[in-house]
Structure formats: structure tokens, C-alpha cells
Amino acid sequence: MNEVAAPTVSIVIRCRDEAASLGPVLDAIFAQDRSPDFEVIALDSGSRDGTLDVLRRYAVRLECAPAESFSYGRALNRGAALARGAIVVYVSAHSRPLSARWLAALVAPFAARNVVATFGRQVPVPGVNPIEAIATARNFPPAAPAGVRFSTANGALRRQAALARPFDEEVAIAEDHLWACAAPDGGVVYVPEAVVGHSHPMTLAHWRSRFYAHGLASQYARRRLGVELPWDTPGVTAPGVALRRALPFLRLARTLARSGELRALGRLPVYALARTVWYTRGLRDGAVRYATPKSV
């Protein structure tokens, strides 16, 4: 009986209710040129919008997990455990590769033995979210260095590195940042040539969920790990956070106005509210949730 050779790369896609964006992402992945051989693993956590129907149209390995047990770190670790490739590529279900050489570029630095992880550039999808597009352009410039340490929305790492030092499964968000903080110097490489289009919706629901998670993660990292996350602020009350961020909000408003982004400018108060109030709530709830040391 002939055994099927293991692929060089395993591409892991985390998804939940991503039917609208997943098809173009998979089309771009399966259109890759001059790439190493790869498999695609989809980790779904309770989709109800037709995501599973989309996945069944492609040659992917589908794994399902209950939504109530989801965390980003747990999904990333599950993907590494399921992977058959020596390199695991993580990509969000709404991060569409913009080049047929995306995968080849993303994994090329692994030819150097000291490289344990890579991550590619993210560019905003035109018109989707001009407010966040400004931060995306700053964090993922067209040339190194990047403004962030690492990102699993468009990143890769050696499978053995992921198994040896798993992602934190308890932190609400920023599990990729925390993982990269402990990586050796020069071990994480930014690859701006590996580009994906990636934007989040400009809605209160998204911003509320994300900034609340930011607050929880700040308290978790500070109290359990002794680490300050990039967005940490000393103000723990809504007025304190609002005062600290007043000038950045005004600068953002001026930038949007000069760019003619009137729709985004109209949504800016909602963004400011979510980033202030829900972040503060996350800090408050995180202080209670992580008041005691993590059990070993």
C-alpha cells in the first residue's frame, strides 16, 4: 500500500461565519504559483451562515470545534497539532492573498535555520474600513521593519516551534504578539512581499468585541505574565482612557476629513466610544478575572 507523502506546508484557516469572504481566499490559495506542496486545514467554530457549504467545494480538511471552547491560541495550537507539514501557515478567513507568489514568498526565509516564524504584509481592502486602514498601513509597511512583532492573520512558523512552545490559550487576543515576545532575536522575519488584503467591518459590534478583548488581554498579560501589551494605557477609567486618546482621535478625524472619507468620519464617534468604554470594561472585568495567579 502506497503512502501519500506529507506536504511541505500546512495552511490553517480559522473560520466562523465567513461565507462572504472565504471563497475568494481559497481561490487565491489554490491559485498559488511556484509554491511548495501544501494542504489546507479549515478549523470551523460553529458557523451558521453557509461557511461549511463553501468549504465543501474545495479540497480542504475540515475540522469543527464548539464555539464555546474557542480561543485564538487554542485554534492555532489545534492547527499545529493537525498539520502534516513542517511549516504551518496561518491565515484569517478574510485575508485574501493578493499575489500568486504569496506562499512562496512567505516561506522562503525558512531556508535559514535560525528563522522560526515569518509574517507578511497586510493592506486594507479599499473602502471597507478607512479608520483601521491607517493603522494597518503603519503596522505593515511596504518595507521592513514592521510596526508589529508578528501576526497570524498572515503568518507562518515551523511546526516544531509551535509544538514546543504553544500559543497562550487563555489570553483573549494578542496571542501571536505574546508568542513572538519569547522568540529568539532574528527568529521572526517580516516578509512584505507576501501580501494579503485584510480589513474588518466598520461596525459597533466588531469594535465593541475587539476593544473589550483588548482590555481583558491587557490585564491578563500584566497580571499573569508581567508583560505590557502595545495598546496598554495607565488610565483604568473611561475618563482617563478618553483623555489619553483625545489627541489621537482628533488627528484621525483630520486625516479622514482630508482624505474625503466622510462615511468613516461619521462613524468615528462610534469607534471612539467603543475604544474608550468597551476597552475600559475589559480592563475592569479582566482585573477581577485575573486577580489570582494562574494555576499550574
C-alpha atoms as a PDB file:
ATOM      1  CA  MET A   1       0.000   0.000   0.000  1.00  0.00           C
ATOM      2  CA  ASN A   2       1.492   3.308  -1.107  1.00  0.00           C
ATOM      3  CA  GLU A   3       1.626   6.084   1.482  1.00  0.00           C
ATOM      4  CA  VAL A   4       0.834   9.650   0.480  1.00  0.00           C
ATOM      5  CA  ALA A   5       3.834  11.886   1.068  1.00  0.00           C
ATOM      6  CA  ALA A   6       3.377  14.568   3.702  1.00  0.00           C
ATOM      7  CA  PRO A   7       3.090  18.102   2.306  1.00  0.00           C
ATOM      8  CA  THR A   8       5.810  20.648   2.967  1.00  0.00           C
ATOM      9  CA  VAL A   9       3.335  23.267   4.191  1.00  0.00           C
ATOM     10  CA  SER A  10       0.043  23.103   6.068  1.00  0.00           C
ATOM     11  CA  ILE A  11      -2.177  26.164   5.626  1.00  0.00           C
ATOM     12  CA  VAL A  12      -4.526  26.587   8.591  1.00  0.00           C
ATOM     13  CA  ILE A  13      -7.598  28.800   8.244  1.00  0.00           C
ATOM     14  CA  ARG A  14      -9.678  29.728  11.283  1.00  0.00           C
ATOM     15  CA  CYS A  15     -13.271  30.483  10.402  1.00  0.00           C
ATOM     16  CA  ARG A  16     -16.679  31.226  11.815  1.00  0.00           C
ATOM     17  CA  ASP A  17     -19.457  32.731   9.697  1.00  0.00           C
ATOM     18  CA  GLU A  18     -17.066  33.698   6.900  1.00  0.00           C
ATOM     19  CA  ALA A  19     -19.146  32.584   3.891  1.00  0.00           C
ATOM     20  CA  ALA A  20     -18.966  36.010   2.253  1.00  0.00           C
ATOM     21  CA  SER A  21     -15.160  36.177   2.159  1.00  0.00           C
ATOM     22  CA  LEU A  22     -13.910  32.593   2.298  1.00  0.00           C
ATOM     23  CA  GLY A  23     -14.413  31.663  -1.362  1.00  0.00           C
ATOM     24  CA  PRO A  24     -12.069  34.348  -2.769  1.00  0.00           C
ATOM     25  CA  VAL A  25      -9.483  33.489  -0.091  1.00  0.00           C
ATOM     26  CA  LEU A  26      -9.483  29.816  -1.053  1.00  0.00           C
ATOM     27  CA  ASP A  27      -9.454  30.651  -4.775  1.00  0.00           C
ATOM     28  CA  ALA A  28      -6.304  32.723  -4.223  1.00  0.00           C
ATOM     29  CA  ILE A  29      -4.664  29.993  -2.148  1.00  0.00           C
ATOM     30  CA  PHE A  30      -5.273  27.246  -4.682  1.00  0.00           C
ATOM     31  CA  ALA A  31      -4.022  29.522  -7.476  1.00  0.00           C
ATOM     32  CA  GLN A  32      -0.551  29.836  -5.937  1.00  0.00           C
ATOM     33  CA  ASP A  33       2.355  29.517  -8.370  1.00  0.00           C
ATOM     34  CA  ARG A  34       5.806  28.022  -7.767  1.00  0.00           C
ATOM     35  CA  SER A  35       4.885  27.266  -4.180  1.00  0.00           C
ATOM     36  CA  PRO A  36       5.865  24.245  -2.120  1.00  0.00           C
ATOM     37  CA  ASP A  37       3.290  21.468  -1.960  1.00  0.00           C
ATOM     38  CA  PHE A  38       0.660  22.213   0.645  1.00  0.00           C
ATOM     39  CA  GLU A  39      -2.518  21.081   2.343  1.00  0.00           C
ATOM     40  CA  VAL A  40      -5.317  23.307   3.620  1.00  0.00           C
ATOM     41  CA  ILE A  41      -6.926  22.716   7.016  1.00  0.00           C
ATOM     42  CA  ALA A  42     -10.072  24.660   7.925  1.00  0.00           C
ATOM     43  CA  LEU A  43     -10.900  24.986  11.622  1.00  0.00           C
ATOM     44  CA  ASP A  44     -14.535  25.995  11.987  1.00  0.00           C
ATOM     45  CA  SER A  45     -16.032  27.044  15.300  1.00  0.00           C
ATOM     46  CA  GLY A  46     -19.781  26.948  14.870  1.00  0.00           C
ATOM     47  CA  SER A  47     -20.518  28.656  11.555  1.00  0.00           C
ATOM     48  CA  ARG A  48     -24.210  29.100  10.726  1.00  0.00           C
ATOM     49  CA  ASP A  49     -24.061  31.196   7.552  1.00  0.00           C
ATOM     50  CA  GLY A  50     -23.074  28.731   4.841  1.00  0.00           C
ATOM     51  CA  THR A  51     -19.342  28.678   5.595  1.00  0.00           C
ATOM     52  CA  LEU A  52     -19.338  24.873   5.695  1.00  0.00           C
ATOM     53  CA  ASP A  53     -21.010  24.710   2.277  1.00  0.00           C
ATOM     54  CA  VAL A  54     -18.251  26.917   0.864  1.00  0.00           C
ATOM     55  CA  LEU A  55     -15.532  24.745   2.412  1.00  0.00           C
ATOM     56  CA  ARG A  56     -17.006  21.573   0.935  1.00  0.00           C
ATOM     57  CA  ARG A  57     -16.424  22.940  -2.558  1.00  0.00           C
ATOM     58  CA  TYR A  58     -12.655  22.898  -2.043  1.00  0.00           C
ATOM     59  CA  ALA A  59     -10.006  20.285  -1.299  1.00  0.00           C
ATOM     60  CA  VAL A  60      -9.639  21.126   2.370  1.00  0.00           C
ATOM     61  CA  ARG A  61      -9.549  19.115   5.570  1.00  0.00           C
ATOM     62  CA  LEU A  62     -12.421  20.351   7.689  1.00  0.00           C
ATOM     63  CA  GLU A  63     -12.230  20.199  11.473  1.00  0.00           C
ATOM     64  CA  CYS A  64     -15.033  21.524  13.665  1.00  0.00           C
ATOM     65  CA  ALA A  65     -14.916  22.694  17.273  1.00  0.00           C
ATOM     66  CA  PRO A  66     -17.646  24.097  19.533  1.00  0.00           C
ATOM     67  CA  ALA A  67     -17.820  27.869  19.631  1.00  0.00           C
ATOM     68  CA  GLU A  68     -17.895  27.973  23.419  1.00  0.00           C
ATOM     69  CA  SER A  69     -14.404  26.472  23.656  1.00  0.00           C
ATOM     70  CA  PHE A  70     -12.847  28.816  21.079  1.00  0.00           C
ATOM     71  CA  SER A  71      -9.817  30.954  21.720  1.00  0.00           C
ATOM     72  CA  TYR A  72      -7.350  32.175  19.135  1.00  0.00           C
ATOM     73  CA  GLY A  73      -4.476  30.438  20.865  1.00  0.00           C
ATOM     74  CA  ARG A  74      -6.381  27.157  21.148  1.00  0.00           C
ATOM     75  CA  ALA A  75      -7.257  27.236  17.439  1.00  0.00           C
ATOM     76  CA  LEU A  76      -3.646  27.942  16.461  1.00  0.00           C
ATOM     77  CA  ASN A  77      -2.391  25.085  18.611  1.00  0.00           C
ATOM     78  CA  ARG A  78      -5.032  22.750  17.221  1.00  0.00           C
ATOM     79  CA  GLY A  79      -3.930  23.655  13.714  1.00  0.00           C
ATOM     80  CA  ALA A  80      -0.301  22.854  14.511  1.00  0.00           C
ATOM     81  CA  ALA A  81      -1.318  19.518  16.030  1.00  0.00           C
ATOM     82  CA  LEU A  82      -3.317  18.569  12.928  1.00  0.00           C
ATOM     83  CA  ALA A  83      -0.729  19.784  10.422  1.00  0.00           C
ATOM     84  CA  ARG A  84       1.336  17.301   8.444  1.00  0.00           C
ATOM     85  CA  GLY A  85       3.704  19.901   7.004  1.00  0.00           C
ATOM     86  CA  ALA A  86       6.945  21.022   8.617  1.00  0.00           C
ATOM     87  CA  ILE A  87       5.818  24.635   8.163  1.00  0.00           C
ATOM     88  CA  VAL A  88       2.416  25.840   9.362  1.00  0.00           C
ATOM     89  CA  VAL A  89       0.910  28.868   7.636  1.00  0.00           C
ATOM     90  CA  TYR A  90      -1.871  30.682   9.442  1.00  0.00           C
ATOM     91  CA  VAL A  91      -4.236  32.919   7.518  1.00  0.00           C
ATOM     92  CA  SER A  92      -7.543  34.501   8.501  1.00  0.00           C
ATOM     93  CA  ALA A  93     -10.619  33.503   6.542  1.00  0.00           C
ATOM     94  CA  HIS A  94     -10.938  37.102   5.337  1.00  0.00           C
ATOM     95  CA  SER A  95      -7.238  37.603   4.468  1.00  0.00           C
ATOM     96  CA  ARG A  96      -7.030  37.159   0.705  1.00  0.00           C
ATOM     97  CA  PRO A  97      -3.595  36.625  -0.849  1.00  0.00           C
ATOM     98  CA  LEU A  98      -3.027  39.299  -3.493  1.00  0.00           C
ATOM     99  CA  SER A  99      -0.279  37.529  -5.414  1.00  0.00           C
ATOM    100  CA  ALA A 100       0.241  34.088  -6.913  1.00  0.00           C
ATOM    101  CA  ARG A 101       3.656  34.120  -5.216  1.00  0.00           C
ATOM    102  CA  TRP A 102       2.292  34.875  -1.747  1.00  0.00           C
ATOM    103  CA  LEU A 103       3.005  31.443  -0.301  1.00  0.00           C
ATOM    104  CA  ALA A 104       6.416  31.084  -1.916  1.00  0.00           C
ATOM    105  CA  ALA A 105       7.465  34.456  -0.503  1.00  0.00           C
ATOM    106  CA  LEU A 106       6.094  33.765   2.974  1.00  0.00           C
ATOM    107  CA  VAL A 107       8.003  30.501   3.426  1.00  0.00           C
ATOM    108  CA  ALA A 108      11.243  31.452   1.617  1.00  0.00           C
ATOM    109  CA  PRO A 109      13.033  32.765   4.760  1.00  0.00           C
ATOM    110  CA  PHE A 110      12.800  29.328   6.386  1.00  0.00           C
ATOM    111  CA  ALA A 111      15.794  28.336   4.275  1.00  0.00           C
ATOM    112  CA  ALA A 112      17.793  29.988   7.082  1.00  0.00           C
ATOM    113  CA  ARG A 113      17.941  27.668  10.080  1.00  0.00           C
ATOM    114  CA  ASN A 114      17.616  30.454  12.648  1.00  0.00           C
ATOM    115  CA  VAL A 115      14.224  31.591  11.310  1.00  0.00           C
ATOM    116  CA  VAL A 116      11.334  30.177  13.323  1.00  0.00           C
ATOM    117  CA  ALA A 117       8.487  32.372  12.048  1.00  0.00           C
ATOM    118  CA  THR A 118       7.556  34.786   9.272  1.00  0.00           C
ATOM    119  CA  PHE A 119       4.647  37.125   8.650  1.00  0.00           C
ATOM    120  CA  GLY A 120       3.550  39.032   5.589  1.00  0.00           C
ATOM    121  CA  ARG A 121       2.200  42.437   4.760  1.00  0.00           C
ATOM    122  CA  GLN A 122      -1.474  43.298   5.176  1.00  0.00           C
ATOM    123  CA  VAL A 123      -3.088  46.004   3.101  1.00  0.00           C
ATOM    124  CA  PRO A 124      -6.593  47.367   3.740  1.00  0.00           C
ATOM    125  CA  VAL A 125      -9.393  46.335   1.421  1.00  0.00           C
ATOM    126  CA  PRO A 126     -10.415  49.573  -0.357  1.00  0.00           C
ATOM    127  CA  GLY A 127     -13.485  51.207   1.128  1.00  0.00           C
ATOM    128  CA  VAL A 128     -14.136  48.641   3.850  1.00  0.00           C
ATOM    129  CA  ASN A 129     -12.712  50.401   6.894  1.00  0.00           C
ATOM    130  CA  PRO A 130     -10.778  53.653   6.340  1.00  0.00           C
ATOM    131  CA  ILE A 131     -10.481  54.163  10.102  1.00  0.00           C
ATOM    132  CA  GLU A 132      -8.463  50.998  10.622  1.00  0.00           C
ATOM    133  CA  ALA A 133      -6.709  51.311   7.264  1.00  0.00           C
ATOM    134  CA  ILE A 134      -4.448  53.979   8.754  1.00  0.00           C
ATOM    135  CA  ALA A 135      -3.178  51.645  11.487  1.00  0.00           C
ATOM    136  CA  THR A 136      -2.854  48.761   9.022  1.00  0.00           C
ATOM    137  CA  ALA A 137      -0.618  50.828   6.753  1.00  0.00           C
ATOM    138  CA  ARG A 138       1.546  51.807   9.721  1.00  0.00           C
ATOM    139  CA  ASN A 139       1.834  48.298  11.154  1.00  0.00           C
ATOM    140  CA  PHE A 140       2.509  46.599   7.812  1.00  0.00           C
ATOM    141  CA  PRO A 141       4.613  48.944   5.653  1.00  0.00           C
ATOM    142  CA  PRO A 142       5.897  48.053   2.172  1.00  0.00           C
ATOM    143  CA  ALA A 143       9.415  47.558   3.552  1.00  0.00           C
ATOM    144  CA  ALA A 144      10.778  46.228   6.822  1.00  0.00           C
ATOM    145  CA  PRO A 145      10.629  46.796   9.708  1.00  0.00           C
ATOM    146  CA  ALA A 146       7.008  46.190  10.523  1.00  0.00           C
ATOM    147  CA  GLY A 147       5.174  48.027  13.261  1.00  0.00           C
ATOM    148  CA  VAL A 148       4.182  44.767  14.959  1.00  0.00           C
ATOM    149  CA  ARG A 149       6.156  41.754  16.151  1.00  0.00           C
ATOM    150  CA  PHE A 150       4.148  39.027  14.407  1.00  0.00           C
ATOM    151  CA  SER A 151       0.664  38.291  13.067  1.00  0.00           C
ATOM    152  CA  THR A 152      -1.138  35.020  12.495  1.00  0.00           C
ATOM    153  CA  ALA A 153      -3.659  36.712  10.202  1.00  0.00           C
ATOM    154  CA  ASN A 154      -0.925  36.172   7.612  1.00  0.00           C
ATOM    155  CA  GLY A 155       1.996  34.330   9.156  1.00  0.00           C
ATOM    156  CA  ALA A 156       3.931  31.080   9.309  1.00  0.00           C
ATOM    157  CA  LEU A 157       6.140  29.175  11.701  1.00  0.00           C
ATOM    158  CA  ARG A 158       7.982  25.922  11.995  1.00  0.00           C
ATOM    159  CA  ARG A 159       5.593  23.269  13.269  1.00  0.00           C
ATOM    160  CA  GLN A 160       8.108  22.011  15.794  1.00  0.00           C
ATOM    161  CA  ALA A 161       8.437  25.530  17.224  1.00  0.00           C
ATOM    162  CA  ALA A 162       4.667  25.733  17.664  1.00  0.00           C
ATOM    163  CA  LEU A 163       4.518  22.330  19.330  1.00  0.00           C
ATOM    164  CA  ALA A 164       7.487  23.049  21.584  1.00  0.00           C
ATOM    165  CA  ARG A 165       6.136  26.428  22.700  1.00  0.00           C
ATOM    166  CA  PRO A 166       2.375  26.589  22.119  1.00  0.00           C
ATOM    167  CA  PHE A 167       0.361  29.777  21.860  1.00  0.00           C
ATOM    168  CA  ASP A 168      -1.284  31.002  25.038  1.00  0.00           C
ATOM    169  CA  GLU A 169      -4.823  29.604  25.032  1.00  0.00           C
ATOM    170  CA  GLU A 170      -6.257  31.817  27.764  1.00  0.00           C
ATOM    171  CA  VAL A 171      -5.464  35.336  26.584  1.00  0.00           C
ATOM    172  CA  ALA A 172      -8.405  36.952  24.761  1.00  0.00           C
ATOM    173  CA  ILE A 173      -6.313  38.416  21.937  1.00  0.00           C
ATOM    174  CA  ALA A 174      -2.649  39.161  21.087  1.00  0.00           C
ATOM    175  CA  GLU A 175      -1.600  35.531  21.466  1.00  0.00           C
ATOM    176  CA  ASP A 176       0.654  35.988  18.415  1.00  0.00           C
ATOM    177  CA  HIS A 177       2.328  39.052  19.969  1.00  0.00           C
ATOM    178  CA  LEU A 178       2.975  37.162  23.204  1.00  0.00           C
ATOM    179  CA  TRP A 179       4.402  34.202  21.298  1.00  0.00           C
ATOM    180  CA  ALA A 180       6.772  36.449  19.353  1.00  0.00           C
ATOM    181  CA  CYS A 181       7.946  38.213  22.522  1.00  0.00           C
ATOM    182  CA  ALA A 182       9.705  34.989  23.541  1.00  0.00           C
ATOM    183  CA  ALA A 183      11.160  34.232  20.104  1.00  0.00           C
ATOM    184  CA  PRO A 184      14.947  34.452  19.672  1.00  0.00           C
ATOM    185  CA  ASP A 185      16.465  37.599  18.172  1.00  0.00           C
ATOM    186  CA  GLY A 186      16.210  37.438  14.401  1.00  0.00           C
ATOM    187  CA  GLY A 187      13.910  34.434  14.593  1.00  0.00           C
ATOM    188  CA  VAL A 188      10.811  36.239  13.301  1.00  0.00           C
ATOM    189  CA  VAL A 189      11.078  37.761   9.818  1.00  0.00           C
ATOM    190  CA  TYR A 190       8.741  40.277   8.190  1.00  0.00           C
ATOM    191  CA  VAL A 191       8.090  39.479   4.510  1.00  0.00           C
ATOM    192  CA  PRO A 192       6.378  42.467   2.868  1.00  0.00           C
ATOM    193  CA  GLU A 193       6.254  40.661  -0.480  1.00  0.00           C
ATOM    194  CA  ALA A 194       3.745  38.156   0.965  1.00  0.00           C
ATOM    195  CA  VAL A 195       0.722  40.454   0.766  1.00  0.00           C
ATOM    196  CA  VAL A 196      -2.895  39.852   1.734  1.00  0.00           C
ATOM    197  CA  GLY A 197      -5.899  42.143   1.676  1.00  0.00           C
ATOM    198  CA  HIS A 198      -7.312  42.294   5.199  1.00  0.00           C
ATOM    199  CA  SER A 199      -9.915  44.610   6.705  1.00  0.00           C
ATOM    200  CA  HIS A 200     -12.509  44.380   9.446  1.00  0.00           C
ATOM    201  CA  PRO A 201     -16.057  45.728   9.140  1.00  0.00           C
ATOM    202  CA  MET A 202     -16.701  49.262  10.325  1.00  0.00           C
ATOM    203  CA  THR A 203     -19.372  48.317  12.855  1.00  0.00           C
ATOM    204  CA  LEU A 204     -20.055  48.884  16.540  1.00  0.00           C
ATOM    205  CA  ALA A 205     -20.414  45.131  17.128  1.00  0.00           C
ATOM    206  CA  HIS A 206     -16.925  44.418  15.801  1.00  0.00           C
ATOM    207  CA  TRP A 207     -15.262  47.317  17.607  1.00  0.00           C
ATOM    208  CA  ARG A 208     -17.060  46.564  20.865  1.00  0.00           C
ATOM    209  CA  SER A 209     -15.959  42.926  20.817  1.00  0.00           C
ATOM    210  CA  ARG A 210     -12.383  43.692  19.829  1.00  0.00           C
ATOM    211  CA  PHE A 211     -11.678  46.513  22.280  1.00  0.00           C
ATOM    212  CA  TYR A 212     -13.288  44.618  25.127  1.00  0.00           C
ATOM    213  CA  ALA A 213     -10.895  41.750  24.292  1.00  0.00           C
ATOM    214  CA  HIS A 214      -8.027  44.256  24.292  1.00  0.00           C
ATOM    215  CA  GLY A 215      -8.907  45.243  27.848  1.00  0.00           C
ATOM    216  CA  LEU A 216      -9.129  41.641  29.023  1.00  0.00           C
ATOM    217  CA  ALA A 217      -5.837  40.782  27.332  1.00  0.00           C
ATOM    218  CA  SER A 218      -4.073  43.763  28.906  1.00  0.00           C
ATOM    219  CA  GLN A 219      -4.985  42.631  32.398  1.00  0.00           C
ATOM    220  CA  TYR A 220      -4.138  39.015  31.645  1.00  0.00           C
ATOM    221  CA  ALA A 221      -0.716  39.861  30.220  1.00  0.00           C
ATOM    222  CA  ARG A 222       0.102  42.281  33.026  1.00  0.00           C
ATOM    223  CA  ARG A 223      -1.147  40.196  35.953  1.00  0.00           C
ATOM    224  CA  ARG A 224      -0.325  36.687  34.785  1.00  0.00           C
ATOM    225  CA  LEU A 225       2.746  37.233  32.622  1.00  0.00           C
ATOM    226  CA  GLY A 226       4.221  40.568  33.698  1.00  0.00           C
ATOM    227  CA  VAL A 227       4.007  41.839  30.100  1.00  0.00           C
ATOM    228  CA  GLU A 228       2.629  45.157  28.835  1.00  0.00           C
ATOM    229  CA  LEU A 229       0.775  44.923  25.530  1.00  0.00           C
ATOM    230  CA  PRO A 230       1.316  47.619  22.845  1.00  0.00           C
ATOM    231  CA  TRP A 231      -2.035  49.330  23.425  1.00  0.00           C
ATOM    232  CA  ASP A 232      -1.795  49.390  27.235  1.00  0.00           C
ATOM    233  CA  THR A 233      -2.712  52.641  28.924  1.00  0.00           C
ATOM    234  CA  PRO A 234      -2.307  53.603  32.600  1.00  0.00           C
ATOM    235  CA  GLY A 235      -5.833  55.063  32.725  1.00  0.00           C
ATOM    236  CA  VAL A 236      -8.219  52.423  34.096  1.00  0.00           C
ATOM    237  CA  THR A 237     -11.380  54.553  33.993  1.00  0.00           C
ATOM    238  CA  ALA A 238     -13.288  55.679  30.931  1.00  0.00           C
ATOM    239  CA  PRO A 239     -12.467  59.378  31.524  1.00  0.00           C
ATOM    240  CA  GLY A 240      -8.770  58.550  31.901  1.00  0.00           C
ATOM    241  CA  VAL A 241      -8.683  56.497  28.717  1.00  0.00           C
ATOM    242  CA  ALA A 242     -10.683  59.106  26.811  1.00  0.00           C
ATOM    243  CA  LEU A 243      -8.365  61.930  27.927  1.00  0.00           C
ATOM    244  CA  ARG A 244      -5.258  59.997  26.900  1.00  0.00           C
ATOM    245  CA  ARG A 245      -6.697  59.254  23.467  1.00  0.00           C
ATOM    246  CA  ALA A 246      -8.361  62.592  22.747  1.00  0.00           C
ATOM    247  CA  LEU A 247      -5.490  63.963  20.662  1.00  0.00           C
ATOM    248  CA  PRO A 248      -5.042  60.760  18.571  1.00  0.00           C
ATOM    249  CA  PHE A 249      -8.787  60.775  17.850  1.00  0.00           C
ATOM    250  CA  LEU A 250      -8.591  64.398  16.685  1.00  0.00           C
ATOM    251  CA  ARG A 251      -5.634  63.582  14.433  1.00  0.00           C
ATOM    252  CA  LEU A 252      -7.527  60.638  12.990  1.00  0.00           C
ATOM    253  CA  ALA A 253     -10.549  62.846  12.312  1.00  0.00           C
ATOM    254  CA  ARG A 254      -8.360  65.365  10.497  1.00  0.00           C
ATOM    255  CA  THR A 255      -6.775  62.635   8.375  1.00  0.00           C
ATOM    256  CA  LEU A 256     -10.165  61.194   7.408  1.00  0.00           C
ATOM    257  CA  ALA A 257     -11.520  64.646   6.563  1.00  0.00           C
ATOM    258  CA  ARG A 258      -8.530  65.483   4.366  1.00  0.00           C
ATOM    259  CA  SER A 259      -8.938  62.146   2.584  1.00  0.00           C
ATOM    260  CA  GLY A 260     -12.608  62.789   1.892  1.00  0.00           C
ATOM    261  CA  GLU A 261     -13.652  59.738   3.918  1.00  0.00           C
ATOM    262  CA  LEU A 262     -16.955  61.246   5.030  1.00  0.00           C
ATOM    263  CA  ARG A 263     -18.630  57.903   5.794  1.00  0.00           C
ATOM    264  CA  ALA A 264     -15.736  56.888   8.015  1.00  0.00           C
ATOM    265  CA  LEU A 265     -15.698  60.318   9.635  1.00  0.00           C
ATOM    266  CA  GLY A 266     -19.358  59.843  10.520  1.00  0.00           C
ATOM    267  CA  ARG A 267     -18.539  56.514  12.172  1.00  0.00           C
ATOM    268  CA  LEU A 268     -15.633  57.922  14.167  1.00  0.00           C
ATOM    269  CA  PRO A 269     -17.702  58.760  17.279  1.00  0.00           C
ATOM    270  CA  VAL A 270     -18.872  55.129  17.426  1.00  0.00           C
ATOM    271  CA  TYR A 271     -15.271  53.973  17.087  1.00  0.00           C
ATOM    272  CA  ALA A 272     -14.125  56.354  19.822  1.00  0.00           C
ATOM    273  CA  LEU A 273     -16.932  55.217  22.104  1.00  0.00           C
ATOM    274  CA  ALA A 274     -16.109  51.529  21.635  1.00  0.00           C
ATOM    275  CA  ARG A 275     -12.389  52.066  22.020  1.00  0.00           C
ATOM    276  CA  THR A 276     -12.899  54.012  25.235  1.00  0.00           C
ATOM    277  CA  VAL A 277     -15.868  52.452  27.017  1.00  0.00           C
ATOM    278  CA  TRP A 278     -15.509  48.804  25.997  1.00  0.00           C
ATOM    279  CA  TYR A 279     -11.762  48.774  26.478  1.00  0.00           C
ATOM    280  CA  THR A 280     -12.294  50.140  29.973  1.00  0.00           C
ATOM    281  CA  ARG A 281     -14.907  47.457  30.658  1.00  0.00           C
ATOM    282  CA  GLY A 282     -12.429  44.840  29.538  1.00  0.00           C
ATOM    283  CA  LEU A 283      -9.848  46.261  31.934  1.00  0.00           C
ATOM    284  CA  ARG A 284     -12.387  46.216  34.762  1.00  0.00           C
ATOM    285  CA  ASP A 285     -13.568  42.661  34.112  1.00  0.00           C
ATOM    286  CA  GLY A 286     -10.019  41.451  33.495  1.00  0.00           C
ATOM    287  CA  ALA A 287      -8.895  42.811  36.857  1.00  0.00           C
ATOM    288  CA  VAL A 288     -11.485  40.566  38.508  1.00  0.00           C
ATOM    289  CA  ARG A 289     -10.990  37.547  36.260  1.00  0.00           C
ATOM    290  CA  TYR A 290      -7.208  37.519  36.603  1.00  0.00           C
ATOM    291  CA  ALA A 291      -6.947  38.678  40.214  1.00  0.00           C
ATOM    292  CA  THR A 292      -5.493  35.320  41.301  1.00  0.00           C
ATOM    293  CA  PRO A 293      -2.334  33.700  39.911  1.00  0.00           C
ATOM    294  CA  LYS A 294      -2.693  31.226  37.074  1.00  0.00           C
ATOM    295  CA  SER A 295      -2.883  27.651  38.334  1.00  0.00           C
ATOM    296  CA  VAL A 296      -0.123  25.339  37.123  1.00  0.00           C
END
